[in-house]
């Protein structure tokens, strides 16, 4: 019997990627700051925006809200009161600024690789 491949929802992708990155960051030095969390979520959000843009040639406000909503939910679920509305607002702003950089694709690859390679 062949196992059916389940298509991942955006929530599945965000939670999987956030757990991977947060755990990698924790392994690096045993702790994660709110600034680290803001950086990780900002780069992840911007990367997801970019992926949707490449896929569809556009990015709707609804898609942005779904991505940000799931990132906010993850942070709330895992960091509770430590992750504030002000922190979330920073993620919204930083993720948009990151996309405006012409070097974003390379910068984001470097950013994620730095976190992940420290565990190898």
PDB file of N, CA and C in Angstrom:
ATOM      1  N   UNK A   1       0.836  -1.175   0.000  1.00  0.00           N
ATOM      2  CA  UNK A   1       0.000   0.000   0.000  1.00  0.00           C
ATOM      3  C   UNK A   1       0.890   1.250   0.000  1.00  0.00           C
ATOM      4  N   UNK A   2       0.675   2.088  -0.985  1.00  0.00           N
ATOM      5  CA  UNK A   2       1.494   3.298  -1.110  1.00  0.00           C
ATOM      6  C   UNK A   2       0.959   4.378  -0.176  1.00  0.00           C
ATOM      7  N   UNK A   3       1.896   4.990   0.540  1.00  0.00           N
ATOM      8  CA  UNK A   3       1.500   6.048   1.454  1.00  0.00           C
ATOM      9  C   UNK A   3       1.240   7.325   0.660  1.00  0.00           C
ATOM     10  N   UNK A   4       0.102   7.934   0.896  1.00  0.00           N
ATOM     11  CA  UNK A   4      -0.226   9.172   0.196  1.00  0.00           C
ATOM     12  C   UNK A   4       0.578  10.322   0.766  1.00  0.00           C
ATOM     13  N   UNK A   5       1.096  11.139  -0.134  1.00  0.00           N
ATOM     14  CA  UNK A   5       1.845  12.304   0.321  1.00  0.00           C
ATOM     15  C   UNK A   5       0.866  13.415   0.644  1.00  0.00           C
ATOM     16  N   UNK A   6       0.935  13.883   1.870  1.00  0.00           N
ATOM     17  CA  UNK A   6       0.042  14.954   2.307  1.00  0.00           C
ATOM     18  C   UNK A   6       0.640  16.284   1.873  1.00  0.00           C
ATOM     19  N   UNK A   7      -0.180  17.093   1.228  1.00  0.00           N
ATOM     20  CA  UNK A   7       0.286  18.421   0.841  1.00  0.00           C
ATOM     21  C   UNK A   7       0.337  19.280   2.100  1.00  0.00           C
ATOM     22  N   UNK A   8       1.496  19.886   2.322  1.00  0.00           N
ATOM     23  CA  UNK A   8       1.660  20.711   3.508  1.00  0.00           C
ATOM     24  C   UNK A   8       0.914  22.033   3.356  1.00  0.00           C
ATOM     25  N   UNK A   9       0.250  22.438   4.409  1.00  0.00           N
ATOM     26  CA  UNK A   9      -0.390  23.752   4.414  1.00  0.00           C
ATOM     27  C   UNK A   9       0.682  24.792   4.760  1.00  0.00           C
ATOM     28  N   UNK A  10       0.368  26.048   4.556  1.00  0.00           N
ATOM     29  CA  UNK A  10       1.316  27.108   4.903  1.00  0.00           C
ATOM     30  C   UNK A  10       1.621  27.065   6.401  1.00  0.00           C
ATOM     31  N   UNK A  11       0.610  26.713   7.200  1.00  0.00           N
ATOM     32  CA  UNK A  11       0.836  26.586   8.647  1.00  0.00           C
ATOM     33  C   UNK A  11       1.843  25.477   8.924  1.00  0.00           C
ATOM     34  N   UNK A  12       1.685  24.331   8.255  1.00  0.00           N
ATOM     35  CA  UNK A  12       2.618  23.209   8.434  1.00  0.00           C
ATOM     36  C   UNK A  12       4.046  23.638   8.101  1.00  0.00           C
ATOM     37  N   UNK A  13       4.194  24.340   6.984  1.00  0.00           N
ATOM     38  CA  UNK A  13       5.518  24.781   6.534  1.00  0.00           C
ATOM     39  C   UNK A  13       6.122  25.762   7.545  1.00  0.00           C
ATOM     40  N   UNK A  14       5.329  26.728   7.979  1.00  0.00           N
ATOM     41  CA  UNK A  14       5.827  27.728   8.935  1.00  0.00           C
ATOM     42  C   UNK A  14       6.215  27.072  10.259  1.00  0.00           C
ATOM     43  N   UNK A  15       5.360  26.221  10.781  1.00  0.00           N
ATOM     44  CA  UNK A  15       5.665  25.583  12.065  1.00  0.00           C
ATOM     45  C   UNK A  15       6.887  24.675  11.941  1.00  0.00           C
ATOM     46  N   UNK A  16       6.992  23.924  10.848  1.00  0.00           N
ATOM     47  CA  UNK A  16       8.152  23.043  10.635  1.00  0.00           C
ATOM     48  C   UNK A  16       9.431  23.872  10.553  1.00  0.00           C
ATOM     49  N   UNK A  17       9.408  24.920   9.727  1.00  0.00           N
ATOM     50  CA  UNK A  17      10.608  25.740   9.536  1.00  0.00           C
ATOM     51  C   UNK A  17      10.980  26.500  10.801  1.00  0.00           C
ATOM     52  N   UNK A  18       9.983  27.044  11.490  1.00  0.00           N
ATOM     53  CA  UNK A  18      10.267  27.774  12.725  1.00  0.00           C
ATOM     54  C   UNK A  18      10.841  26.834  13.785  1.00  0.00           C
ATOM     55  N   UNK A  19      10.270  25.650  13.923  1.00  0.00           N
ATOM     56  CA  UNK A  19      10.793  24.704  14.910  1.00  0.00           C
ATOM     57  C   UNK A  19      12.230  24.326  14.580  1.00  0.00           C
ATOM     58  N   UNK A  20      12.510  24.091  13.299  1.00  0.00           N
ATOM     59  CA  UNK A  20      13.869  23.735  12.871  1.00  0.00           C
ATOM     60  C   UNK A  20      14.844  24.860  13.192  1.00  0.00           C
ATOM     61  N   UNK A  21      14.482  26.091  12.837  1.00  0.00           N
ATOM     62  CA  UNK A  21      15.378  27.228  13.037  1.00  0.00           C
ATOM     63  C   UNK A  21      15.544  27.582  14.517  1.00  0.00           C
ATOM     64  N   UNK A  22      14.455  27.559  15.264  1.00  0.00           N
ATOM     65  CA  UNK A  22      14.537  27.874  16.691  1.00  0.00           C
ATOM     66  C   UNK A  22      15.374  26.819  17.414  1.00  0.00           C
ATOM     67  N   UNK A  23      15.154  25.547  17.105  1.00  0.00           N
ATOM     68  CA  UNK A  23      15.937  24.487  17.748  1.00  0.00           C
ATOM     69  C   UNK A  23      17.412  24.594  17.370  1.00  0.00           C
ATOM     70  N   UNK A  24      17.689  24.920  16.113  1.00  0.00           N
ATOM     71  CA  UNK A  24      19.078  25.090  15.674  1.00  0.00           C
ATOM     72  C   UNK A  24      19.726  26.250  16.430  1.00  0.00           C
ATOM     73  N   UNK A  25      18.999  27.342  16.579  1.00  0.00           N
ATOM     74  CA  UNK A  25      19.518  28.512  17.288  1.00  0.00           C
ATOM     75  C   UNK A  25      19.775  28.159  18.753  1.00  0.00           C
ATOM     76  N   UNK A  26      18.877  27.396  19.353  1.00  0.00           N
ATOM     77  CA  UNK A  26      19.055  26.980  20.748  1.00  0.00           C
ATOM     78  C   UNK A  26      20.279  26.085  20.908  1.00  0.00           C
ATOM     79  N   UNK A  27      20.514  25.216  19.934  1.00  0.00           N
ATOM     80  CA  UNK A  27      21.683  24.327  19.995  1.00  0.00           C
ATOM     81  C   UNK A  27      22.974  25.126  19.867  1.00  0.00           C
ATOM     82  N   UNK A  28      22.918  26.230  19.128  1.00  0.00           N
ATOM     83  CA  UNK A  28      24.117  27.052  18.929  1.00  0.00           C
ATOM     84  C   UNK A  28      24.659  27.588  20.239  1.00  0.00           C
ATOM     85  N   UNK A  29      23.784  28.163  21.067  1.00  0.00           N
ATOM     86  CA  UNK A  29      24.289  28.760  22.301  1.00  0.00           C
ATOM     87  C   UNK A  29      23.373  28.550  23.503  1.00  0.00           C
ATOM     88  N   UNK A  30      22.389  27.669  23.366  1.00  0.00           N
ATOM     89  CA  UNK A  30      21.538  27.332  24.505  1.00  0.00           C
ATOM     90  C   UNK A  30      20.439  28.319  24.822  1.00  0.00           C
ATOM     91  N   UNK A  31      20.379  29.414  24.054  1.00  0.00           N
ATOM     92  CA  UNK A  31      19.310  30.378  24.312  1.00  0.00           C
ATOM     93  C   UNK A  31      18.930  31.075  23.013  1.00  0.00           C
ATOM     94  N   UNK A  32      17.764  31.697  23.058  1.00  0.00           N
ATOM     95  CA  UNK A  32      17.295  32.473  21.915  1.00  0.00           C
ATOM     96  C   UNK A  32      16.691  33.757  22.474  1.00  0.00           C
ATOM     97  N   UNK A  33      17.117  34.873  21.920  1.00  0.00           N
ATOM     98  CA  UNK A  33      16.593  36.157  22.380  1.00  0.00           C
ATOM     99  C   UNK A  33      15.380  36.541  21.533  1.00  0.00           C
ATOM    100  N   UNK A  34      14.639  37.515  22.014  1.00  0.00           N
ATOM    101  CA  UNK A  34      13.510  38.022  21.227  1.00  0.00           C
ATOM    102  C   UNK A  34      14.029  38.620  19.918  1.00  0.00           C
ATOM    103  N   UNK A  35      15.201  39.273  19.955  1.00  0.00           N
ATOM    104  CA  UNK A  35      15.783  39.803  18.717  1.00  0.00           C
ATOM    105  C   UNK A  35      16.102  38.686  17.724  1.00  0.00           C
ATOM    106  N   UNK A  36      16.629  37.561  18.230  1.00  0.00           N
ATOM    107  CA  UNK A  36      16.879  36.399  17.356  1.00  0.00           C
ATOM    108  C   UNK A  36      15.562  35.938  16.734  1.00  0.00           C
ATOM    109  N   UNK A  37      14.536  35.857  17.561  1.00  0.00           N
ATOM    110  CA  UNK A  37      13.227  35.396  17.099  1.00  0.00           C
ATOM    111  C   UNK A  37      12.666  36.350  16.039  1.00  0.00           C
ATOM    112  N   UNK A  38      12.810  37.645  16.273  1.00  0.00           N
ATOM    113  CA  UNK A  38      12.338  38.634  15.299  1.00  0.00           C
ATOM    114  C   UNK A  38      13.101  38.474  13.984  1.00  0.00           C
ATOM    115  N   UNK A  39      14.420  38.288  14.054  1.00  0.00           N
ATOM    116  CA  UNK A  39      15.212  38.097  12.838  1.00  0.00           C
ATOM    117  C   UNK A  39      14.765  36.846  12.078  1.00  0.00           C
ATOM    118  N   UNK A  40      14.641  35.742  12.801  1.00  0.00           N
ATOM    119  CA  UNK A  40      14.252  34.480  12.163  1.00  0.00           C
ATOM    120  C   UNK A  40      12.878  34.601  11.506  1.00  0.00           C
ATOM    121  N   UNK A  41      11.911  35.135  12.241  1.00  0.00           N
ATOM    122  CA  UNK A  41      10.556  35.233  11.692  1.00  0.00           C
ATOM    123  C   UNK A  41      10.489  36.221  10.537  1.00  0.00           C
ATOM    124  N   UNK A  42      11.266  37.287  10.606  1.00  0.00           N
ATOM    125  CA  UNK A  42      11.274  38.272   9.515  1.00  0.00           C
ATOM    126  C   UNK A  42      11.830  37.662   8.233  1.00  0.00           C
ATOM    127  N   UNK A  43      12.942  36.959   8.354  1.00  0.00           N
ATOM    128  CA  UNK A  43      13.528  36.314   7.173  1.00  0.00           C
ATOM    129  C   UNK A  43      12.613  35.216   6.634  1.00  0.00           C
ATOM    130  N   UNK A  44      11.996  34.453   7.538  1.00  0.00           N
ATOM    131  CA  UNK A  44      11.099  33.396   7.078  1.00  0.00           C
ATOM    132  C   UNK A  44       9.895  33.985   6.359  1.00  0.00           C
ATOM    133  N   UNK A  45       9.284  35.014   6.934  1.00  0.00           N
ATOM    134  CA  UNK A  45       8.127  35.646   6.291  1.00  0.00           C
ATOM    135  C   UNK A  45       8.521  36.176   4.909  1.00  0.00           C
ATOM    136  N   UNK A  46       9.629  36.897   4.837  1.00  0.00           N
ATOM    137  CA  UNK A  46      10.072  37.459   3.557  1.00  0.00           C
ATOM    138  C   UNK A  46      10.361  36.351   2.533  1.00  0.00           C
ATOM    139  N   UNK A  47      10.956  35.260   2.987  1.00  0.00           N
ATOM    140  CA  UNK A  47      11.237  34.128   2.083  1.00  0.00           C
ATOM    141  C   UNK A  47       9.949  33.511   1.554  1.00  0.00           C
ATOM    142  N   UNK A  48       8.950  33.408   2.421  1.00  0.00           N
ATOM    143  CA  UNK A  48       7.664  32.857   1.987  1.00  0.00           C
ATOM    144  C   UNK A  48       6.962  33.806   1.022  1.00  0.00           C
ATOM    145  N   UNK A  49       7.054  35.117   1.277  1.00  0.00           N
ATOM    146  CA  UNK A  49       6.481  36.083   0.322  1.00  0.00           C
ATOM    147  C   UNK A  49       7.139  35.892  -1.035  1.00  0.00           C
ATOM    148  N   UNK A  50       8.479  35.810  -1.031  1.00  0.00           N
ATOM    149  CA  UNK A  50       9.236  35.673  -2.271  1.00  0.00           C
ATOM    150  C   UNK A  50       8.845  34.385  -3.006  1.00  0.00           C
ATOM    151  N   UNK A  51       8.706  33.302  -2.273  1.00  0.00           N
ATOM    152  CA  UNK A  51       8.331  32.023  -2.894  1.00  0.00           C
ATOM    153  C   UNK A  51       6.956  32.124  -3.562  1.00  0.00           C
ATOM    154  N   UNK A  52       6.013  32.753  -2.867  1.00  0.00           N
ATOM    155  CA  UNK A  52       4.663  32.919  -3.453  1.00  0.00           C
ATOM    156  C   UNK A  52       4.725  33.794  -4.700  1.00  0.00           C
ATOM    157  N   UNK A  53       5.526  34.848  -4.623  1.00  0.00           N
ATOM    158  CA  UNK A  53       5.668  35.756  -5.761  1.00  0.00           C
ATOM    159  C   UNK A  53       6.236  35.009  -6.965  1.00  0.00           C
ATOM    160  N   UNK A  54       7.271  34.204  -6.719  1.00  0.00           N
ATOM    161  CA  UNK A  54       7.893  33.433  -7.814  1.00  0.00           C
ATOM    162  C   UNK A  54       6.907  32.433  -8.396  1.00  0.00           C
ATOM    163  N   UNK A  55       6.101  31.819  -7.526  1.00  0.00           N
ATOM    164  CA  UNK A  55       5.128  30.816  -7.942  1.00  0.00           C
ATOM    165  C   UNK A  55       3.988  31.414  -8.770  1.00  0.00           C
ATOM    166  N   UNK A  56       3.451  32.540  -8.311  1.00  0.00           N
ATOM    167  CA  UNK A  56       2.219  33.086  -8.890  1.00  0.00           C
ATOM    168  C   UNK A  56       2.381  34.412  -9.619  1.00  0.00           C
ATOM    169  N   UNK A  57       3.555  35.023  -9.529  1.00  0.00           N
ATOM    170  CA  UNK A  57       3.748  36.326 -10.134  1.00  0.00           C
ATOM    171  C   UNK A  57       3.061  37.452  -9.386  1.00  0.00           C
ATOM    172  N   UNK A  58       2.523  37.124  -8.236  1.00  0.00           N
ATOM    173  CA  UNK A  58       1.881  38.135  -7.392  1.00  0.00           C
ATOM    174  C   UNK A  58       1.810  37.620  -5.966  1.00  0.00           C
ATOM    175  N   UNK A  59       1.498  38.525  -5.069  1.00  0.00           N
ATOM    176  CA  UNK A  59       1.338  38.183  -3.664  1.00  0.00           C
ATOM    177  C   UNK A  59       0.169  39.003  -3.148  1.00  0.00           C
ATOM    178  N   UNK A  60      -0.891  38.320  -2.769  1.00  0.00           N
ATOM    179  CA  UNK A  60      -2.088  39.027  -2.320  1.00  0.00           C
ATOM    180  C   UNK A  60      -1.965  39.429  -0.849  1.00  0.00           C
ATOM    181  N   UNK A  61      -2.725  40.421  -0.471  1.00  0.00           N
ATOM    182  CA  UNK A  61      -2.781  40.861   0.925  1.00  0.00           C
ATOM    183  C   UNK A  61      -3.227  39.697   1.804  1.00  0.00           C
ATOM    184  N   UNK A  62      -4.156  38.894   1.296  1.00  0.00           N
ATOM    185  CA  UNK A  62      -4.635  37.732   2.053  1.00  0.00           C
ATOM    186  C   UNK A  62      -3.495  36.747   2.328  1.00  0.00           C
ATOM    187  N   UNK A  63      -2.639  36.507   1.330  1.00  0.00           N
ATOM    188  CA  UNK A  63      -1.511  35.591   1.522  1.00  0.00           C
ATOM    189  C   UNK A  63      -0.529  36.147   2.560  1.00  0.00           C
ATOM    190  N   UNK A  64      -0.260  37.448   2.488  1.00  0.00           N
ATOM    191  CA  UNK A  64       0.612  38.084   3.467  1.00  0.00           C
ATOM    192  C   UNK A  64       0.023  37.913   4.865  1.00  0.00           C
ATOM    193  N   UNK A  65      -1.277  38.151   4.995  1.00  0.00           N
ATOM    194  CA  UNK A  65      -1.938  38.024   6.298  1.00  0.00           C
ATOM    195  C   UNK A  65      -1.922  36.591   6.819  1.00  0.00           C
ATOM    196  N   UNK A  66      -2.061  35.620   5.932  1.00  0.00           N
ATOM    197  CA  UNK A  66      -2.018  34.210   6.335  1.00  0.00           C
ATOM    198  C   UNK A  66      -0.617  33.862   6.847  1.00  0.00           C
ATOM    199  N   UNK A  67       0.412  34.287   6.117  1.00  0.00           N
ATOM    200  CA  UNK A  67       1.795  34.021   6.531  1.00  0.00           C
ATOM    201  C   UNK A  67       2.066  34.679   7.886  1.00  0.00           C
ATOM    202  N   UNK A  68       1.758  35.963   7.988  1.00  0.00           N
ATOM    203  CA  UNK A  68       2.012  36.682   9.244  1.00  0.00           C
ATOM    204  C   UNK A  68       1.179  36.131  10.397  1.00  0.00           C
ATOM    205  N   UNK A  69      -0.060  35.762  10.111  1.00  0.00           N
ATOM    206  CA  UNK A  69      -0.922  35.201  11.146  1.00  0.00           C
ATOM    207  C   UNK A  69      -0.363  33.910  11.711  1.00  0.00           C
ATOM    208  N   UNK A  70       0.115  33.041  10.834  1.00  0.00           N
ATOM    209  CA  UNK A  70       0.686  31.771  11.294  1.00  0.00           C
ATOM    210  C   UNK A  70       2.000  31.966  12.041  1.00  0.00           C
ATOM    211  N   UNK A  71       2.810  32.919  11.586  1.00  0.00           N
ATOM    212  CA  UNK A  71       4.050  33.221  12.300  1.00  0.00           C
ATOM    213  C   UNK A  71       3.718  33.780  13.688  1.00  0.00           C
ATOM    214  N   UNK A  72       2.764  34.690  13.739  1.00  0.00           N
ATOM    215  CA  UNK A  72       2.334  35.242  15.027  1.00  0.00           C
ATOM    216  C   UNK A  72       1.810  34.160  15.956  1.00  0.00           C
ATOM    217  N   UNK A  73       1.015  33.243  15.409  1.00  0.00           N
ATOM    218  CA  UNK A  73       0.477  32.141  16.217  1.00  0.00           C
ATOM    219  C   UNK A  73       1.592  31.257  16.755  1.00  0.00           C
ATOM    220  N   UNK A  74       2.579  30.946  15.910  1.00  0.00           N
ATOM    221  CA  UNK A  74       3.703  30.123  16.352  1.00  0.00           C
ATOM    222  C   UNK A  74       4.413  30.801  17.525  1.00  0.00           C
ATOM    223  N   UNK A  75       4.720  32.077  17.348  1.00  0.00           N
ATOM    224  CA  UNK A  75       5.441  32.806  18.400  1.00  0.00           C
ATOM    225  C   UNK A  75       4.619  32.885  19.675  1.00  0.00           C
ATOM    226  N   UNK A  76       3.328  33.092  19.541  1.00  0.00           N
ATOM    227  CA  UNK A  76       2.458  33.133  20.710  1.00  0.00           C
ATOM    228  C   UNK A  76       2.395  31.761  21.389  1.00  0.00           C
ATOM    229  N   UNK A  77       2.249  30.705  20.584  1.00  0.00           N
ATOM    230  CA  UNK A  77       2.183  29.341  21.127  1.00  0.00           C
ATOM    231  C   UNK A  77       3.461  28.964  21.874  1.00  0.00           C
ATOM    232  N   UNK A  78       4.610  29.364  21.340  1.00  0.00           N
ATOM    233  CA  UNK A  78       5.888  28.914  21.884  1.00  0.00           C
ATOM    234  C   UNK A  78       6.576  29.911  22.812  1.00  0.00           C
ATOM    235  N   UNK A  79       6.234  31.191  22.694  1.00  0.00           N
ATOM    236  CA  UNK A  79       6.927  32.200  23.492  1.00  0.00           C
ATOM    237  C   UNK A  79       5.968  33.050  24.334  1.00  0.00           C
ATOM    238  N   UNK A  80       4.675  32.846  24.122  1.00  0.00           N
ATOM    239  CA  UNK A  80       3.658  33.505  24.938  1.00  0.00           C
ATOM    240  C   UNK A  80       3.854  35.002  25.079  1.00  0.00           C
ATOM    241  N   UNK A  81       3.771  35.463  26.326  1.00  0.00           N
ATOM    242  CA  UNK A  81       3.849  36.894  26.630  1.00  0.00           C
ATOM    243  C   UNK A  81       5.204  37.516  26.273  1.00  0.00           C
ATOM    244  N   UNK A  82       6.234  36.684  26.128  1.00  0.00           N
ATOM    245  CA  UNK A  82       7.566  37.201  25.792  1.00  0.00           C
ATOM    246  C   UNK A  82       7.589  37.840  24.403  1.00  0.00           C
ATOM    247  N   UNK A  83       6.717  37.365  23.522  1.00  0.00           N
ATOM    248  CA  UNK A  83       6.639  37.903  22.165  1.00  0.00           C
ATOM    249  C   UNK A  83       5.440  38.841  22.118  1.00  0.00           C
ATOM    250  N   UNK A  84       5.719  40.149  22.066  1.00  0.00           N
ATOM    251  CA  UNK A  84       4.674  41.168  22.204  1.00  0.00           C
ATOM    252  C   UNK A  84       4.126  41.626  20.852  1.00  0.00           C
ATOM    253  N   UNK A  85       3.086  42.414  20.896  1.00  0.00           N
ATOM    254  CA  UNK A  85       2.538  43.028  19.680  1.00  0.00           C
ATOM    255  C   UNK A  85       3.599  43.914  19.022  1.00  0.00           C
ATOM    256  N   UNK A  86       4.367  44.597  19.835  1.00  0.00           N
ATOM    257  CA  UNK A  86       5.448  45.443  19.304  1.00  0.00           C
ATOM    258  C   UNK A  86       6.472  44.595  18.531  1.00  0.00           C
ATOM    259  N   UNK A  87       6.794  43.423  19.066  1.00  0.00           N
ATOM    260  CA  UNK A  87       7.718  42.509  18.377  1.00  0.00           C
ATOM    261  C   UNK A  87       7.120  42.066  17.047  1.00  0.00           C
ATOM    262  N   UNK A  88       5.840  41.731  17.072  1.00  0.00           N
ATOM    263  CA  UNK A  88       5.161  41.296  15.851  1.00  0.00           C
ATOM    264  C   UNK A  88       5.169  42.425  14.814  1.00  0.00           C
ATOM    265  N   UNK A  89       4.922  43.649  15.261  1.00  0.00           N
ATOM    266  CA  UNK A  89       4.941  44.796  14.351  1.00  0.00           C
ATOM    267  C   UNK A  89       6.318  44.966  13.712  1.00  0.00           C
ATOM    268  N   UNK A  90       7.378  44.682  14.482  1.00  0.00           N
ATOM    269  CA  UNK A  90       8.746  44.736  13.929  1.00  0.00           C
ATOM    270  C   UNK A  90       8.912  43.695  12.827  1.00  0.00           C
ATOM    271  N   UNK A  91       8.386  42.488  13.049  1.00  0.00           N
ATOM    272  CA  UNK A  91       8.474  41.423  12.045  1.00  0.00           C
ATOM    273  C   UNK A  91       7.805  41.873  10.746  1.00  0.00           C
ATOM    274  N   UNK A  92       6.619  42.466  10.864  1.00  0.00           N
ATOM    275  CA  UNK A  92       5.891  42.940   9.687  1.00  0.00           C
ATOM    276  C   UNK A  92       6.753  43.942   8.916  1.00  0.00           C
ATOM    277  N   UNK A  93       7.312  44.896   9.626  1.00  0.00           N
ATOM    278  CA  UNK A  93       8.108  45.953   8.990  1.00  0.00           C
ATOM    279  C   UNK A  93       9.417  45.408   8.408  1.00  0.00           C
ATOM    280  N   UNK A  94      10.147  44.635   9.195  1.00  0.00           N
ATOM    281  CA  UNK A  94      11.450  44.118   8.760  1.00  0.00           C
ATOM    282  C   UNK A  94      11.292  43.175   7.565  1.00  0.00           C
ATOM    283  N   UNK A  95      10.277  42.325   7.597  1.00  0.00           N
ATOM    284  CA  UNK A  95      10.096  41.378   6.473  1.00  0.00           C
ATOM    285  C   UNK A  95       9.861  42.129   5.168  1.00  0.00           C
ATOM    286  N   UNK A  96       9.144  43.239   5.227  1.00  0.00           N
ATOM    287  CA  UNK A  96       8.908  44.043   4.022  1.00  0.00           C
ATOM    288  C   UNK A  96      10.182  44.752   3.578  1.00  0.00           C
ATOM    289  N   UNK A  97      10.956  45.255   4.528  1.00  0.00           N
ATOM    290  CA  UNK A  97      12.220  45.921   4.196  1.00  0.00           C
ATOM    291  C   UNK A  97      13.224  44.946   3.583  1.00  0.00           C
ATOM    292  N   UNK A  98      13.265  43.731   4.113  1.00  0.00           N
ATOM    293  CA  UNK A  98      14.189  42.729   3.583  1.00  0.00           C
ATOM    294  C   UNK A  98      13.954  42.481   2.098  1.00  0.00           C
ATOM    295  N   UNK A  99      12.685  42.413   1.713  1.00  0.00           N
ATOM    296  CA  UNK A  99      12.348  42.139   0.309  1.00  0.00           C
ATOM    297  C   UNK A  99      12.784  43.256  -0.630  1.00  0.00           C
ATOM    298  N   UNK A 100      12.956  44.449  -0.105  1.00  0.00           N
ATOM    299  CA  UNK A 100      13.353  45.583  -0.940  1.00  0.00           C
ATOM    300  C   UNK A 100      14.846  45.567  -1.271  1.00  0.00           C
ATOM    301  N   UNK A 101      15.593  44.734  -0.557  1.00  0.00           N
ATOM    302  CA  UNK A 101      17.031  44.656  -0.817  1.00  0.00           C
ATOM    303  C   UNK A 101      17.283  43.807  -2.068  1.00  0.00           C
ATOM    304  N   UNK A 102      18.074  44.320  -3.009  1.00  0.00           N
ATOM    305  CA  UNK A 102      18.356  43.539  -4.224  1.00  0.00           C
ATOM    306  C   UNK A 102      19.111  42.243  -3.925  1.00  0.00           C
ATOM    307  N   UNK A 103      19.764  42.184  -2.774  1.00  0.00           N
ATOM    308  CA  UNK A 103      20.543  40.993  -2.408  1.00  0.00           C
ATOM    309  C   UNK A 103      19.759  40.039  -1.504  1.00  0.00           C
ATOM    310  N   UNK A 104      18.449  40.226  -1.400  1.00  0.00           N
ATOM    311  CA  UNK A 104      17.664  39.443  -0.434  1.00  0.00           C
ATOM    312  C   UNK A 104      17.834  37.936  -0.591  1.00  0.00           C
ATOM    313  N   UNK A 105      17.763  37.417  -1.817  1.00  0.00           N
ATOM    314  CA  UNK A 105      17.844  35.958  -1.994  1.00  0.00           C
ATOM    315  C   UNK A 105      19.147  35.401  -1.422  1.00  0.00           C
ATOM    316  N   UNK A 106      20.262  36.054  -1.729  1.00  0.00           N
ATOM    317  CA  UNK A 106      21.552  35.609  -1.199  1.00  0.00           C
ATOM    318  C   UNK A 106      21.642  35.840   0.306  1.00  0.00           C
ATOM    319  N   UNK A 107      21.150  37.000   0.757  1.00  0.00           N
ATOM    320  CA  UNK A 107      21.192  37.317   2.190  1.00  0.00           C
ATOM    321  C   UNK A 107      20.405  36.298   3.007  1.00  0.00           C
ATOM    322  N   UNK A 108      19.229  35.935   2.525  1.00  0.00           N
ATOM    323  CA  UNK A 108      18.402  34.998   3.294  1.00  0.00           C
ATOM    324  C   UNK A 108      19.033  33.612   3.322  1.00  0.00           C
ATOM    325  N   UNK A 109      19.618  33.187   2.199  1.00  0.00           N
ATOM    326  CA  UNK A 109      20.294  31.883   2.175  1.00  0.00           C
ATOM    327  C   UNK A 109      21.433  31.877   3.193  1.00  0.00           C
ATOM    328  N   UNK A 110      22.218  32.933   3.200  1.00  0.00           N
ATOM    329  CA  UNK A 110      23.333  33.061   4.152  1.00  0.00           C
ATOM    330  C   UNK A 110      22.809  33.059   5.589  1.00  0.00           C
ATOM    331  N   UNK A 111      21.758  33.815   5.841  1.00  0.00           N
ATOM    332  CA  UNK A 111      21.176  33.903   7.186  1.00  0.00           C
ATOM    333  C   UNK A 111      20.754  32.520   7.691  1.00  0.00           C
ATOM    334  N   UNK A 112      19.970  31.795   6.876  1.00  0.00           N
ATOM    335  CA  UNK A 112      19.494  30.468   7.298  1.00  0.00           C
ATOM    336  C   UNK A 112      20.640  29.476   7.410  1.00  0.00           C
ATOM    337  N   UNK A 113      21.585  29.519   6.458  1.00  0.00           N
ATOM    338  CA  UNK A 113      22.721  28.607   6.496  1.00  0.00           C
ATOM    339  C   UNK A 113      23.555  28.797   7.758  1.00  0.00           C
ATOM    340  N   UNK A 114      23.755  30.050   8.163  1.00  0.00           N
ATOM    341  CA  UNK A 114      24.534  30.333   9.376  1.00  0.00           C
ATOM    342  C   UNK A 114      23.909  29.670  10.603  1.00  0.00           C
ATOM    343  N   UNK A 115      22.592  29.752  10.713  1.00  0.00           N
ATOM    344  CA  UNK A 115      21.906  29.150  11.862  1.00  0.00           C
ATOM    345  C   UNK A 115      21.998  27.633  11.790  1.00  0.00           C
ATOM    346  N   UNK A 116      21.727  27.075  10.611  1.00  0.00           N
ATOM    347  CA  UNK A 116      21.655  25.620  10.476  1.00  0.00           C
ATOM    348  C   UNK A 116      23.016  24.949  10.483  1.00  0.00           C
ATOM    349  N   UNK A 117      24.024  25.575   9.904  1.00  0.00           N
ATOM    350  CA  UNK A 117      25.325  24.909   9.800  1.00  0.00           C
ATOM    351  C   UNK A 117      26.061  24.817  11.133  1.00  0.00           C
ATOM    352  N   UNK A 118      25.718  25.666  12.067  1.00  0.00           N
ATOM    353  CA  UNK A 118      26.374  25.632  13.378  1.00  0.00           C
ATOM    354  C   UNK A 118      26.114  24.308  14.088  1.00  0.00           C
ATOM    355  N   UNK A 119      25.116  23.574  13.626  1.00  0.00           N
ATOM    356  CA  UNK A 119      24.776  22.283  14.253  1.00  0.00           C
ATOM    357  C   UNK A 119      25.382  21.095  13.548  1.00  0.00           C
ATOM    358  N   UNK A 120      26.053  21.342  12.435  1.00  0.00           N
ATOM    359  CA  UNK A 120      26.608  20.210  11.674  1.00  0.00           C
ATOM    360  C   UNK A 120      28.036  19.908  12.076  1.00  0.00           C
TER     361      UNK A 120
END
